[in-house]
């Protein structure tokens, strides 16, 4: 019984790490988009 609980905890931890990794990738993608938008706005304003 204890082994089953430990196995489930390990699987949940691995799943959470995968989700966190995906969240970080999504965040980085959004930050790159924001950076591009800001650069475009800066060019537009300085004209």
PDB file of N, CA and C in Angstrom:
ATOM      1  N   UNK A   1       0.827  -1.208   0.000  1.00  0.00           N
ATOM      2  CA  UNK A   1       0.000   0.000   0.000  1.00  0.00           C
ATOM      3  C   UNK A   1       0.863   1.260   0.000  1.00  0.00           C
ATOM      4  N   UNK A   2       1.873   1.272   0.850  1.00  0.00           N
ATOM      5  CA  UNK A   2       2.761   2.424   0.923  1.00  0.00           C
ATOM      6  C   UNK A   2       3.488   2.643  -0.393  1.00  0.00           C
ATOM      7  N   UNK A   3       3.874   1.557  -1.051  1.00  0.00           N
ATOM      8  CA  UNK A   3       4.559   1.671  -2.332  1.00  0.00           C
ATOM      9  C   UNK A   3       3.657   2.304  -3.374  1.00  0.00           C
ATOM     10  N   UNK A   4       2.383   1.987  -3.357  1.00  0.00           N
ATOM     11  CA  UNK A   4       1.429   2.551  -4.304  1.00  0.00           C
ATOM     12  C   UNK A   4       1.297   4.055  -4.095  1.00  0.00           C
ATOM     13  N   UNK A   5       1.237   4.473  -2.836  1.00  0.00           N
ATOM     14  CA  UNK A   5       1.118   5.905  -2.530  1.00  0.00           C
ATOM     15  C   UNK A   5       2.378   6.633  -3.000  1.00  0.00           C
ATOM     16  N   UNK A   6       3.547   6.056  -2.726  1.00  0.00           N
ATOM     17  CA  UNK A   6       4.798   6.686  -3.154  1.00  0.00           C
ATOM     18  C   UNK A   6       4.876   6.768  -4.671  1.00  0.00           C
ATOM     19  N   UNK A   7       4.428   5.725  -5.335  1.00  0.00           N
ATOM     20  CA  UNK A   7       4.429   5.708  -6.798  1.00  0.00           C
ATOM     21  C   UNK A   7       3.528   6.816  -7.339  1.00  0.00           C
ATOM     22  N   UNK A   8       2.356   6.982  -6.740  1.00  0.00           N
ATOM     23  CA  UNK A   8       1.433   8.039  -7.179  1.00  0.00           C
ATOM     24  C   UNK A   8       2.026   9.418  -6.942  1.00  0.00           C
ATOM     25  N   UNK A   9       2.707   9.599  -5.814  1.00  0.00           N
ATOM     26  CA  UNK A   9       3.328  10.894  -5.521  1.00  0.00           C
ATOM     27  C   UNK A   9       4.411  11.221  -6.533  1.00  0.00           C
ATOM     28  N   UNK A  10       5.209  10.224  -6.893  1.00  0.00           N
ATOM     29  CA  UNK A  10       6.270  10.446  -7.880  1.00  0.00           C
ATOM     30  C   UNK A  10       5.662  10.813  -9.226  1.00  0.00           C
ATOM     31  N   UNK A  11       4.618  10.106  -9.629  1.00  0.00           N
ATOM     32  CA  UNK A  11       3.962  10.413 -10.904  1.00  0.00           C
ATOM     33  C   UNK A  11       3.371  11.811 -10.882  1.00  0.00           C
ATOM     34  N   UNK A  12       2.763  12.202  -9.766  1.00  0.00           N
ATOM     35  CA  UNK A  12       2.192  13.550  -9.647  1.00  0.00           C
ATOM     36  C   UNK A  12       3.281  14.607  -9.703  1.00  0.00           C
ATOM     37  N   UNK A  13       4.411  14.348  -9.037  1.00  0.00           N
ATOM     38  CA  UNK A  13       5.527  15.290  -9.064  1.00  0.00           C
ATOM     39  C   UNK A  13       6.056  15.458 -10.480  1.00  0.00           C
ATOM     40  N   UNK A  14       6.190  14.351 -11.212  1.00  0.00           N
ATOM     41  CA  UNK A  14       6.665  14.424 -12.592  1.00  0.00           C
ATOM     42  C   UNK A  14       5.679  15.198 -13.456  1.00  0.00           C
ATOM     43  N   UNK A  15       4.391  14.961 -13.255  1.00  0.00           N
ATOM     44  CA  UNK A  15       3.360  15.676 -14.012  1.00  0.00           C
ATOM     45  C   UNK A  15       3.429  17.168 -13.709  1.00  0.00           C
ATOM     46  N   UNK A  16       3.612  17.520 -12.431  1.00  0.00           N
ATOM     47  CA  UNK A  16       3.706  18.932 -12.059  1.00  0.00           C
ATOM     48  C   UNK A  16       4.930  19.585 -12.678  1.00  0.00           C
ATOM     49  N   UNK A  17       6.043  18.868 -12.746  1.00  0.00           N
ATOM     50  CA  UNK A  17       7.246  19.425 -13.366  1.00  0.00           C
ATOM     51  C   UNK A  17       7.023  19.672 -14.847  1.00  0.00           C
ATOM     52  N   UNK A  18       6.350  18.752 -15.509  1.00  0.00           N
ATOM     53  CA  UNK A  18       6.054  18.922 -16.928  1.00  0.00           C
ATOM     54  C   UNK A  18       5.158  20.146 -17.131  1.00  0.00           C
ATOM     55  N   UNK A  19       4.150  20.292 -16.274  1.00  0.00           N
ATOM     56  CA  UNK A  19       3.253  21.455 -16.376  1.00  0.00           C
ATOM     57  C   UNK A  19       4.000  22.748 -16.113  1.00  0.00           C
ATOM     58  N   UNK A  20       4.889  22.750 -15.111  1.00  0.00           N
ATOM     59  CA  UNK A  20       5.653  23.955 -14.801  1.00  0.00           C
ATOM     60  C   UNK A  20       6.570  24.311 -15.970  1.00  0.00           C
ATOM     61  N   UNK A  21       7.185  23.304 -16.569  1.00  0.00           N
ATOM     62  CA  UNK A  21       8.056  23.540 -17.722  1.00  0.00           C
ATOM     63  C   UNK A  21       7.260  24.162 -18.859  1.00  0.00           C
ATOM     64  N   UNK A  22       6.076  23.638 -19.085  1.00  0.00           N
ATOM     65  CA  UNK A  22       5.209  24.170 -20.130  1.00  0.00           C
ATOM     66  C   UNK A  22       4.789  25.603 -19.801  1.00  0.00           C
ATOM     67  N   UNK A  23       4.487  25.861 -18.532  1.00  0.00           N
ATOM     68  CA  UNK A  23       4.108  27.207 -18.112  1.00  0.00           C
ATOM     69  C   UNK A  23       5.244  28.194 -18.361  1.00  0.00           C
ATOM     70  N   UNK A  24       6.479  27.783 -18.045  1.00  0.00           N
ATOM     71  CA  UNK A  24       7.627  28.664 -18.271  1.00  0.00           C
ATOM     72  C   UNK A  24       7.830  28.930 -19.754  1.00  0.00           C
ATOM     73  N   UNK A  25       7.655  27.919 -20.577  1.00  0.00           N
ATOM     74  CA  UNK A  25       7.800  28.117 -22.020  1.00  0.00           C
ATOM     75  C   UNK A  25       6.741  29.085 -22.536  1.00  0.00           C
ATOM     76  N   UNK A  26       5.507  28.937 -22.048  1.00  0.00           N
ATOM     77  CA  UNK A  26       4.436  29.856 -22.445  1.00  0.00           C
ATOM     78  C   UNK A  26       4.756  31.276 -21.993  1.00  0.00           C
ATOM     79  N   UNK A  27       5.261  31.409 -20.786  1.00  0.00           N
ATOM     80  CA  UNK A  27       5.605  32.728 -20.255  1.00  0.00           C
ATOM     81  C   UNK A  27       6.704  33.375 -21.088  1.00  0.00           C
ATOM     82  N   UNK A  28       7.726  32.615 -21.426  1.00  0.00           N
ATOM     83  CA  UNK A  28       8.823  33.153 -22.231  1.00  0.00           C
ATOM     84  C   UNK A  28       8.313  33.582 -23.597  1.00  0.00           C
ATOM     85  N   UNK A  29       7.434  32.780 -24.193  1.00  0.00           N
ATOM     86  CA  UNK A  29       6.853  33.134 -25.492  1.00  0.00           C
ATOM     87  C   UNK A  29       6.093  34.453 -25.398  1.00  0.00           C
ATOM     88  N   UNK A  30       5.288  34.603 -24.351  1.00  0.00           N
ATOM     89  CA  UNK A  30       4.513  35.846 -24.185  1.00  0.00           C
ATOM     90  C   UNK A  30       5.436  37.035 -23.949  1.00  0.00           C
ATOM     91  N   UNK A  31       6.510  36.835 -23.184  1.00  0.00           N
ATOM     92  CA  UNK A  31       7.450  37.926 -22.933  1.00  0.00           C
ATOM     93  C   UNK A  31       8.161  38.357 -24.211  1.00  0.00           C
ATOM     94  N   UNK A  32       8.494  37.407 -25.064  1.00  0.00           N
ATOM     95  CA  UNK A  32       9.121  37.738 -26.348  1.00  0.00           C
ATOM     96  C   UNK A  32       8.145  38.539 -27.200  1.00  0.00           C
ATOM     97  N   UNK A  33       6.873  38.154 -27.196  1.00  0.00           N
ATOM     98  CA  UNK A  33       5.866  38.905 -27.951  1.00  0.00           C
ATOM     99  C   UNK A  33       5.724  40.324 -27.412  1.00  0.00           C
ATOM    100  N   UNK A  34       5.727  40.457 -26.094  1.00  0.00           N
ATOM    101  CA  UNK A  34       5.620  41.785 -25.471  1.00  0.00           C
ATOM    102  C   UNK A  34       6.828  42.632 -25.837  1.00  0.00           C
ATOM    103  N   UNK A  35       8.000  42.029 -25.797  1.00  0.00           N
ATOM    104  CA  UNK A  35       9.223  42.741 -26.152  1.00  0.00           C
ATOM    105  C   UNK A  35       9.153  43.253 -27.589  1.00  0.00           C
ATOM    106  N   UNK A  36       8.661  42.428 -28.492  1.00  0.00           N
ATOM    107  CA  UNK A  36       8.534  42.835 -29.893  1.00  0.00           C
ATOM    108  C   UNK A  36       7.537  43.969 -30.046  1.00  0.00           C
ATOM    109  N   UNK A  37       6.447  43.889 -29.328  1.00  0.00           N
ATOM    110  CA  UNK A  37       5.425  44.939 -29.380  1.00  0.00           C
ATOM    111  C   UNK A  37       5.978  46.260 -28.864  1.00  0.00           C
ATOM    112  N   UNK A  38       6.718  46.201 -27.769  1.00  0.00           N
ATOM    113  CA  UNK A  38       7.305  47.417 -27.205  1.00  0.00           C
ATOM    114  C   UNK A  38       8.300  48.023 -28.188  1.00  0.00           C
ATOM    115  N   UNK A  39       9.115  47.197 -28.809  1.00  0.00           N
ATOM    116  CA  UNK A  39      10.091  47.703 -29.786  1.00  0.00           C
ATOM    117  C   UNK A  39       9.377  48.382 -30.949  1.00  0.00           C
ATOM    118  N   UNK A  40       8.289  47.774 -31.421  1.00  0.00           N
ATOM    119  CA  UNK A  40       7.519  48.366 -32.512  1.00  0.00           C
ATOM    120  C   UNK A  40       6.901  49.695 -32.091  1.00  0.00           C
ATOM    121  N   UNK A  41       6.368  49.749 -30.879  1.00  0.00           N
ATOM    122  CA  UNK A  41       5.791  51.002 -30.376  1.00  0.00           C
ATOM    123  C   UNK A  41       6.848  52.089 -30.237  1.00  0.00           C
ATOM    124  N   UNK A  42       8.041  51.706 -29.785  1.00  0.00           N
ATOM    125  CA  UNK A  42       9.114  52.684 -29.653  1.00  0.00           C
ATOM    126  C   UNK A  42       9.499  53.262 -31.013  1.00  0.00           C
ATOM    127  N   UNK A  43       9.537  52.415 -32.027  1.00  0.00           N
ATOM    128  CA  UNK A  43       9.851  52.897 -33.371  1.00  0.00           C
ATOM    129  C   UNK A  43       8.754  53.837 -33.872  1.00  0.00           C
ATOM    130  N   UNK A  44       7.499  53.489 -33.608  1.00  0.00           N
ATOM    131  CA  UNK A  44       6.383  54.296 -34.046  1.00  0.00           C
ATOM    132  C   UNK A  44       6.380  55.658 -33.353  1.00  0.00           C
ATOM    133  N   UNK A  45       6.657  55.680 -32.071  1.00  0.00           N
ATOM    134  CA  UNK A  45       6.642  56.925 -31.295  1.00  0.00           C
ATOM    135  C   UNK A  45       7.779  57.830 -31.713  1.00  0.00           C
ATOM    136  N   UNK A  46       8.957  57.254 -31.979  1.00  0.00           N
ATOM    137  CA  UNK A  46      10.121  58.082 -32.296  1.00  0.00           C
ATOM    138  C   UNK A  46      10.095  58.660 -33.713  1.00  0.00           C
ATOM    139  N   UNK A  47       9.140  58.234 -34.545  1.00  0.00           N
ATOM    140  CA  UNK A  47       9.060  58.769 -35.913  1.00  0.00           C
ATOM    141  C   UNK A  47       8.424  60.110 -35.950  1.00  0.00           C
TER     142      UNK A  47
END
